[in-house]
Amino acid sequence: YFIGANPALLIQEKHRVVLDYVSLENIITESDSPYYYRGLNLTPELVKEVVLYLSKRRGLHPLKVKEAIYENFKKLFK
């Protein structure tokens, strides 16, 4: 299974809590674009903020997180 991490995590605590328990090997980023949520316009450009959040929470370099998410993408869309 994969859990979608989108920019709503920047303002939604329950989204962040779920992602804290999910292995990086089970995370896919997405934007829900175009979508306006609680004052935040969810766009593909904000996905980089999701990667930065995940890298900080896990103590990993952002490039490592990007690589892991890309590998997940390849598994999901073989």
PDB file of N, CA and C in Angstrom:
ATOM      1  N   TYR A   1       0.831  -1.176   0.000  1.00  0.00           N
ATOM      2  CA  TYR A   1       0.000   0.000   0.000  1.00  0.00           C
ATOM      3  C   TYR A   1       0.875   1.238   0.000  1.00  0.00           C
ATOM      4  N   PHE A   2       0.302   2.350  -0.443  1.00  0.00           N
ATOM      5  CA  PHE A   2       0.984   3.636  -0.418  1.00  0.00           C
ATOM      6  C   PHE A   2       0.060   4.668   0.213  1.00  0.00           C
ATOM      7  N   ILE A   3       0.635   5.561   0.952  1.00  0.00           N
ATOM      8  CA  ILE A   3      -0.091   6.671   1.554  1.00  0.00           C
ATOM      9  C   ILE A   3       0.293   7.933   0.797  1.00  0.00           C
ATOM     10  N   GLY A   4      -0.697   8.682   0.358  1.00  0.00           N
ATOM     11  CA  GLY A   4      -0.443   9.928  -0.351  1.00  0.00           C
ATOM     12  C   GLY A   4      -0.159  11.057   0.619  1.00  0.00           C
ATOM     13  N   ALA A   5       0.943  11.715   0.426  1.00  0.00           N
ATOM     14  CA  ALA A   5       1.309  12.883   1.230  1.00  0.00           C
ATOM     15  C   ALA A   5       1.140  14.116   0.355  1.00  0.00           C
ATOM     16  N   ASN A   6       0.222  14.991   0.740  1.00  0.00           N
ATOM     17  CA  ASN A   6       0.009  16.193  -0.059  1.00  0.00           C
ATOM     18  C   ASN A   6       0.233  17.435   0.792  1.00  0.00           C
ATOM     19  N   PRO A   7       0.270  18.608   0.180  1.00  0.00           N
ATOM     20  CA  PRO A   7       0.580  19.829   0.913  1.00  0.00           C
ATOM     21  C   PRO A   7      -0.378  20.169   2.050  1.00  0.00           C
ATOM     22  N   ALA A   8      -1.521  19.535   2.118  1.00  0.00           N
ATOM     23  CA  ALA A   8      -2.429  19.781   3.247  1.00  0.00           C
ATOM     24  C   ALA A   8      -1.760  19.447   4.577  1.00  0.00           C
ATOM     25  N   LEU A   9      -0.738  18.599   4.549  1.00  0.00           N
ATOM     26  CA  LEU A   9      -0.048  18.257   5.797  1.00  0.00           C
ATOM     27  C   LEU A   9       0.583  19.490   6.444  1.00  0.00           C
ATOM     28  N   LEU A  10       0.794  20.533   5.666  1.00  0.00           N
ATOM     29  CA  LEU A  10       1.369  21.760   6.204  1.00  0.00           C
ATOM     30  C   LEU A  10       0.432  22.431   7.203  1.00  0.00           C
ATOM     31  N   ILE A  11      -0.878  22.137   7.104  1.00  0.00           N
ATOM     32  CA  ILE A  11      -1.848  22.746   8.014  1.00  0.00           C
ATOM     33  C   ILE A  11      -2.749  21.723   8.714  1.00  0.00           C
ATOM     34  N   GLN A  12      -2.591  20.456   8.418  1.00  0.00           N
ATOM     35  CA  GLN A  12      -3.473  19.430   8.970  1.00  0.00           C
ATOM     36  C   GLN A  12      -2.694  18.452   9.851  1.00  0.00           C
ATOM     37  N   GLU A  13      -2.888  18.583  11.146  1.00  0.00           N
ATOM     38  CA  GLU A  13      -2.154  17.769  12.120  1.00  0.00           C
ATOM     39  C   GLU A  13      -2.384  16.272  11.919  1.00  0.00           C
ATOM     40  N   LYS A  14      -3.629  15.852  11.670  1.00  0.00           N
ATOM     41  CA  LYS A  14      -3.890  14.410  11.552  1.00  0.00           C
ATOM     42  C   LYS A  14      -3.138  13.797  10.372  1.00  0.00           C
ATOM     43  N   HIS A  15      -2.934  14.558   9.321  1.00  0.00           N
ATOM     44  CA  HIS A  15      -2.157  14.088   8.170  1.00  0.00           C
ATOM     45  C   HIS A  15      -0.700  13.860   8.581  1.00  0.00           C
ATOM     46  N   ARG A  16      -0.145  14.803   9.354  1.00  0.00           N
ATOM     47  CA  ARG A  16       1.244  14.676   9.818  1.00  0.00           C
ATOM     48  C   ARG A  16       1.410  13.483  10.755  1.00  0.00           C
ATOM     49  N   VAL A  17       0.437  13.275  11.619  1.00  0.00           N
ATOM     50  CA  VAL A  17       0.516  12.155  12.566  1.00  0.00           C
ATOM     51  C   VAL A  17       0.546  10.820  11.821  1.00  0.00           C
ATOM     52  N   VAL A  18      -0.309  10.673  10.835  1.00  0.00           N
ATOM     53  CA  VAL A  18      -0.325   9.432  10.047  1.00  0.00           C
ATOM     54  C   VAL A  18       1.028   9.214   9.379  1.00  0.00           C
ATOM     55  N   LEU A  19       1.565  10.263   8.766  1.00  0.00           N
ATOM     56  CA  LEU A  19       2.841  10.127   8.057  1.00  0.00           C
ATOM     57  C   LEU A  19       3.998   9.805   8.998  1.00  0.00           C
ATOM     58  N   ASP A  20       3.896  10.196  10.256  1.00  0.00           N
ATOM     59  CA  ASP A  20       4.948   9.860  11.217  1.00  0.00           C
ATOM     60  C   ASP A  20       5.033   8.352  11.458  1.00  0.00           C
ATOM     61  N   TYR A  21       3.944   7.644  11.213  1.00  0.00           N
ATOM     62  CA  TYR A  21       3.901   6.200  11.467  1.00  0.00           C
ATOM     63  C   TYR A  21       4.118   5.355  10.214  1.00  0.00           C
ATOM     64  N   VAL A  22       4.154   5.990   9.058  1.00  0.00           N
ATOM     65  CA  VAL A  22       4.277   5.261   7.793  1.00  0.00           C
ATOM     66  C   VAL A  22       5.735   5.218   7.362  1.00  0.00           C
ATOM     67  N   SER A  23       6.170   4.051   6.949  1.00  0.00           N
ATOM     68  CA  SER A  23       7.518   3.905   6.426  1.00  0.00           C
ATOM     69  C   SER A  23       7.680   4.729   5.156  1.00  0.00           C
ATOM     70  N   LEU A  24       8.858   5.274   4.951  1.00  0.00           N
ATOM     71  CA  LEU A  24       9.139   6.054   3.754  1.00  0.00           C
ATOM     72  C   LEU A  24       8.915   5.225   2.488  1.00  0.00           C
ATOM     73  N   GLU A  25       9.061   3.920   2.574  1.00  0.00           N
ATOM     74  CA  GLU A  25       8.849   3.033   1.437  1.00  0.00           C
ATOM     75  C   GLU A  25       7.371   2.907   1.068  1.00  0.00           C
ATOM     76  N   ASN A  26       6.494   3.546   1.833  1.00  0.00           N
ATOM     77  CA  ASN A  26       5.057   3.482   1.574  1.00  0.00           C
ATOM     78  C   ASN A  26       4.437   4.859   1.325  1.00  0.00           C
ATOM     79  N   ILE A  27       5.266   5.846   1.008  1.00  0.00           N
ATOM     80  CA  ILE A  27       4.755   7.205   0.815  1.00  0.00           C
ATOM     81  C   ILE A  27       4.915   7.638  -0.638  1.00  0.00           C
ATOM     82  N   ILE A  28       3.850   8.232  -1.148  1.00  0.00           N
ATOM     83  CA  ILE A  28       3.827   8.845  -2.471  1.00  0.00           C
ATOM     84  C   ILE A  28       3.408  10.301  -2.270  1.00  0.00           C
ATOM     85  N   THR A  29       4.048  11.215  -2.953  1.00  0.00           N
ATOM     86  CA  THR A  29       3.617  12.610  -2.874  1.00  0.00           C
ATOM     87  C   THR A  29       2.596  12.892  -3.963  1.00  0.00           C
ATOM     88  N   GLU A  30       1.712  13.824  -3.672  1.00  0.00           N
ATOM     89  CA  GLU A  30       0.708  14.259  -4.639  1.00  0.00           C
ATOM     90  C   GLU A  30       0.220  15.631  -4.210  1.00  0.00           C
ATOM     91  N   SER A  31      -0.490  16.306  -5.089  1.00  0.00           N
ATOM     92  CA  SER A  31      -0.866  17.683  -4.775  1.00  0.00           C
ATOM     93  C   SER A  31      -2.359  17.908  -4.593  1.00  0.00           C
ATOM     94  N   ASP A  32      -3.210  16.980  -5.001  1.00  0.00           N
ATOM     95  CA  ASP A  32      -4.663  17.192  -5.010  1.00  0.00           C
ATOM     96  C   ASP A  32      -5.040  18.395  -5.862  1.00  0.00           C
ATOM     97  N   SER A  33      -4.165  18.794  -6.734  1.00  0.00           N
ATOM     98  CA  SER A  33      -4.331  20.017  -7.507  1.00  0.00           C
ATOM     99  C   SER A  33      -5.375  19.860  -8.589  1.00  0.00           C
ATOM    100  N   PRO A  34      -6.107  20.890  -8.899  1.00  0.00           N
ATOM    101  CA  PRO A  34      -6.202  22.141  -8.153  1.00  0.00           C
ATOM    102  C   PRO A  34      -7.228  21.994  -7.031  1.00  0.00           C
ATOM    103  N   TYR A  35      -6.851  22.403  -5.858  1.00  0.00           N
ATOM    104  CA  TYR A  35      -7.732  22.245  -4.709  1.00  0.00           C
ATOM    105  C   TYR A  35      -7.406  23.328  -3.692  1.00  0.00           C
ATOM    106  N   TYR A  36      -8.415  23.986  -3.200  1.00  0.00           N
ATOM    107  CA  TYR A  36      -8.251  25.028  -2.200  1.00  0.00           C
ATOM    108  C   TYR A  36      -8.712  24.463  -0.862  1.00  0.00           C
ATOM    109  N   TYR A  37      -7.822  24.433   0.134  1.00  0.00           N
ATOM    110  CA  TYR A  37      -8.123  23.802   1.420  1.00  0.00           C
ATOM    111  C   TYR A  37      -7.671  24.703   2.558  1.00  0.00           C
ATOM    112  N   ARG A  38      -8.626  25.161   3.353  1.00  0.00           N
ATOM    113  CA  ARG A  38      -8.345  25.971   4.542  1.00  0.00           C
ATOM    114  C   ARG A  38      -7.346  27.109   4.270  1.00  0.00           C
ATOM    115  N   GLY A  39      -7.570  27.826   3.207  1.00  0.00           N
ATOM    116  CA  GLY A  39      -6.716  28.956   2.894  1.00  0.00           C
ATOM    117  C   GLY A  39      -5.437  28.621   2.151  1.00  0.00           C
ATOM    118  N   LEU A  40      -5.233  27.353   1.852  1.00  0.00           N
ATOM    119  CA  LEU A  40      -4.030  26.935   1.136  1.00  0.00           C
ATOM    120  C   LEU A  40      -4.419  26.412  -0.239  1.00  0.00           C
ATOM    121  N   ASN A  41      -3.818  26.961  -1.274  1.00  0.00           N
ATOM    122  CA  ASN A  41      -4.060  26.499  -2.633  1.00  0.00           C
ATOM    123  C   ASN A  41      -3.095  25.355  -2.925  1.00  0.00           C
ATOM    124  N   LEU A  42      -3.611  24.149  -2.947  1.00  0.00           N
ATOM    125  CA  LEU A  42      -2.775  22.969  -3.155  1.00  0.00           C
ATOM    126  C   LEU A  42      -2.402  22.869  -4.629  1.00  0.00           C
ATOM    127  N   THR A  43      -1.131  23.045  -4.906  1.00  0.00           N
ATOM    128  CA  THR A  43      -0.628  23.002  -6.278  1.00  0.00           C
ATOM    129  C   THR A  43       0.593  22.081  -6.334  1.00  0.00           C
ATOM    130  N   PRO A  44       0.950  21.616  -7.518  1.00  0.00           N
ATOM    131  CA  PRO A  44       2.139  20.767  -7.635  1.00  0.00           C
ATOM    132  C   PRO A  44       3.410  21.431  -7.108  1.00  0.00           C
ATOM    133  N   GLU A  45       3.485  22.752  -7.183  1.00  0.00           N
ATOM    134  CA  GLU A  45       4.678  23.452  -6.693  1.00  0.00           C
ATOM    135  C   GLU A  45       4.899  23.247  -5.203  1.00  0.00           C
ATOM    136  N   LEU A  46       3.837  22.958  -4.461  1.00  0.00           N
ATOM    137  CA  LEU A  46       3.968  22.764  -3.013  1.00  0.00           C
ATOM    138  C   LEU A  46       4.464  21.374  -2.621  1.00  0.00           C
ATOM    139  N   VAL A  47       4.562  20.470  -3.575  1.00  0.00           N
ATOM    140  CA  VAL A  47       5.049  19.119  -3.254  1.00  0.00           C
ATOM    141  C   VAL A  47       6.466  19.185  -2.691  1.00  0.00           C
ATOM    142  N   LYS A  48       7.267  20.137  -3.135  1.00  0.00           N
ATOM    143  CA  LYS A  48       8.626  20.268  -2.592  1.00  0.00           C
ATOM    144  C   LYS A  48       8.582  20.557  -1.089  1.00  0.00           C
ATOM    145  N   GLU A  49       7.543  21.249  -0.616  1.00  0.00           N
ATOM    146  CA  GLU A  49       7.391  21.503   0.821  1.00  0.00           C
ATOM    147  C   GLU A  49       7.087  20.208   1.566  1.00  0.00           C
ATOM    148  N   VAL A  50       6.360  19.324   0.927  1.00  0.00           N
ATOM    149  CA  VAL A  50       6.072  18.015   1.518  1.00  0.00           C
ATOM    150  C   VAL A  50       7.373  17.228   1.686  1.00  0.00           C
ATOM    151  N   VAL A  51       8.205  17.235   0.659  1.00  0.00           N
ATOM    152  CA  VAL A  51       9.497  16.537   0.718  1.00  0.00           C
ATOM    153  C   VAL A  51      10.367  17.131   1.824  1.00  0.00           C
ATOM    154  N   LEU A  52      10.400  18.445   1.925  1.00  0.00           N
ATOM    155  CA  LEU A  52      11.187  19.088   2.983  1.00  0.00           C
ATOM    156  C   LEU A  52      10.662  18.736   4.367  1.00  0.00           C
ATOM    157  N   TYR A  53       9.347  18.696   4.518  1.00  0.00           N
ATOM    158  CA  TYR A  53       8.759  18.311   5.804  1.00  0.00           C
ATOM    159  C   TYR A  53       9.171  16.882   6.169  1.00  0.00           C
ATOM    160  N   LEU A  54       9.013  15.972   5.224  1.00  0.00           N
ATOM    161  CA  LEU A  54       9.363  14.569   5.496  1.00  0.00           C
ATOM    162  C   LEU A  54      10.847  14.418   5.819  1.00  0.00           C
ATOM    163  N   SER A  55      11.696  15.145   5.124  1.00  0.00           N
ATOM    164  CA  SER A  55      13.135  15.030   5.377  1.00  0.00           C
ATOM    165  C   SER A  55      13.485  15.549   6.776  1.00  0.00           C
ATOM    166  N   LYS A  56      12.863  16.645   7.196  1.00  0.00           N
ATOM    167  CA  LYS A  56      13.132  17.180   8.540  1.00  0.00           C
ATOM    168  C   LYS A  56      12.631  16.233   9.615  1.00  0.00           C
ATOM    169  N   ARG A  57      11.409  15.718   9.453  1.00  0.00           N
ATOM    170  CA  ARG A  57      10.824  14.817  10.465  1.00  0.00           C
ATOM    171  C   ARG A  57      11.630  13.524  10.618  1.00  0.00           C
ATOM    172  N   ARG A  58      12.231  13.078   9.537  1.00  0.00           N
ATOM    173  CA  ARG A  58      12.958  11.805   9.559  1.00  0.00           C
ATOM    174  C   ARG A  58      14.461  11.975   9.674  1.00  0.00           C
ATOM    175  N   GLY A  59      14.923  13.205   9.692  1.00  0.00           N
ATOM    176  CA  GLY A  59      16.358  13.459   9.812  1.00  0.00           C
ATOM    177  C   GLY A  59      17.143  12.993   8.605  1.00  0.00           C
ATOM    178  N   LEU A  60      16.541  13.123   7.434  1.00  0.00           N
ATOM    179  CA  LEU A  60      17.171  12.681   6.194  1.00  0.00           C
ATOM    180  C   LEU A  60      17.396  13.870   5.269  1.00  0.00           C
ATOM    181  N   HIS A  61      18.362  13.751   4.384  1.00  0.00           N
ATOM    182  CA  HIS A  61      18.584  14.767   3.370  1.00  0.00           C
ATOM    183  C   HIS A  61      17.399  14.731   2.397  1.00  0.00           C
ATOM    184  N   PRO A  62      16.926  15.897   1.950  1.00  0.00           N
ATOM    185  CA  PRO A  62      15.792  15.913   1.017  1.00  0.00           C
ATOM    186  C   PRO A  62      16.000  15.053  -0.232  1.00  0.00           C
ATOM    187  N   LEU A  63      17.219  14.970  -0.713  1.00  0.00           N
ATOM    188  CA  LEU A  63      17.484  14.138  -1.889  1.00  0.00           C
ATOM    189  C   LEU A  63      17.183  12.669  -1.601  1.00  0.00           C
ATOM    190  N   LYS A  64      17.498  12.216  -0.410  1.00  0.00           N
ATOM    191  CA  LYS A  64      17.213  10.829  -0.017  1.00  0.00           C
ATOM    192  C   LYS A  64      15.703  10.573  -0.026  1.00  0.00           C
ATOM    193  N   VAL A  65      14.946  11.536   0.468  1.00  0.00           N
ATOM    194  CA  VAL A  65      13.486  11.404   0.482  1.00  0.00           C
ATOM    195  C   VAL A  65      12.947  11.410  -0.946  1.00  0.00           C
ATOM    196  N   LYS A  66      13.445  12.304  -1.789  1.00  0.00           N
ATOM    197  CA  LYS A  66      13.017  12.342  -3.190  1.00  0.00           C
ATOM    198  C   LYS A  66      13.291  11.017  -3.887  1.00  0.00           C
ATOM    199  N   GLU A  67      14.456  10.456  -3.644  1.00  0.00           N
ATOM    200  CA  GLU A  67      14.812   9.178  -4.272  1.00  0.00           C
ATOM    201  C   GLU A  67      13.874   8.070  -3.820  1.00  0.00           C
ATOM    202  N   ALA A  68      13.576   8.029  -2.538  1.00  0.00           N
ATOM    203  CA  ALA A  68      12.678   6.995  -2.010  1.00  0.00           C
ATOM    204  C   ALA A  68      11.283   7.138  -2.616  1.00  0.00           C
ATOM    205  N   ILE A  69      10.791   8.350  -2.701  1.00  0.00           N
ATOM    206  CA  ILE A  69       9.461   8.580  -3.260  1.00  0.00           C
ATOM    207  C   ILE A  69       9.441   8.223  -4.750  1.00  0.00           C
ATOM    208  N   TYR A  70      10.506   8.527  -5.451  1.00  0.00           N
ATOM    209  CA  TYR A  70      10.574   8.161  -6.867  1.00  0.00           C
ATOM    210  C   TYR A  70      10.562   6.639  -7.038  1.00  0.00           C
ATOM    211  N   GLU A  71      11.290   5.933  -6.183  1.00  0.00           N
ATOM    212  CA  GLU A  71      11.266   4.465  -6.237  1.00  0.00           C
ATOM    213  C   GLU A  71       9.854   3.938  -5.979  1.00  0.00           C
ATOM    214  N   ASN A  72       9.149   4.557  -5.033  1.00  0.00           N
ATOM    215  CA  ASN A  72       7.765   4.169  -4.760  1.00  0.00           C
ATOM    216  C   ASN A  72       6.877   4.392  -5.979  1.00  0.00           C
ATOM    217  N   PHE A  73       7.077   5.538  -6.620  1.00  0.00           N
ATOM    218  CA  PHE A  73       6.326   5.852  -7.839  1.00  0.00           C
ATOM    219  C   PHE A  73       6.547   4.770  -8.896  1.00  0.00           C
ATOM    220  N   LYS A  74       7.792   4.366  -9.071  1.00  0.00           N
ATOM    221  CA  LYS A  74       8.097   3.340 -10.076  1.00  0.00           C
ATOM    222  C   LYS A  74       7.440   2.014  -9.713  1.00  0.00           C
ATOM    223  N   LYS A  75       7.399   1.663  -8.427  1.00  0.00           N
ATOM    224  CA  LYS A  75       6.740   0.423  -8.010  1.00  0.00           C
ATOM    225  C   LYS A  75       5.241   0.490  -8.288  1.00  0.00           C
ATOM    226  N   LEU A  76       4.649   1.629  -7.988  1.00  0.00           N
ATOM    227  CA  LEU A  76       3.210   1.783  -8.136  1.00  0.00           C
ATOM    228  C   LEU A  76       2.772   1.802  -9.595  1.00  0.00           C
ATOM    229  N   PHE A  77       3.564   2.423 -10.444  1.00  0.00           N
ATOM    230  CA  PHE A  77       3.190   2.582 -11.852  1.00  0.00           C
ATOM    231  C   PHE A  77       4.113   1.819 -12.788  1.00  0.00           C
ATOM    232  N   LYS A  78       4.344   0.551 -12.468  1.00  0.00           N
ATOM    233  CA  LYS A  78       5.205  -0.302 -13.292  1.00  0.00           C
ATOM    234  C   LYS A  78       4.752  -0.310 -14.729  1.00  0.00           C
TER     235      LYS A  78
END
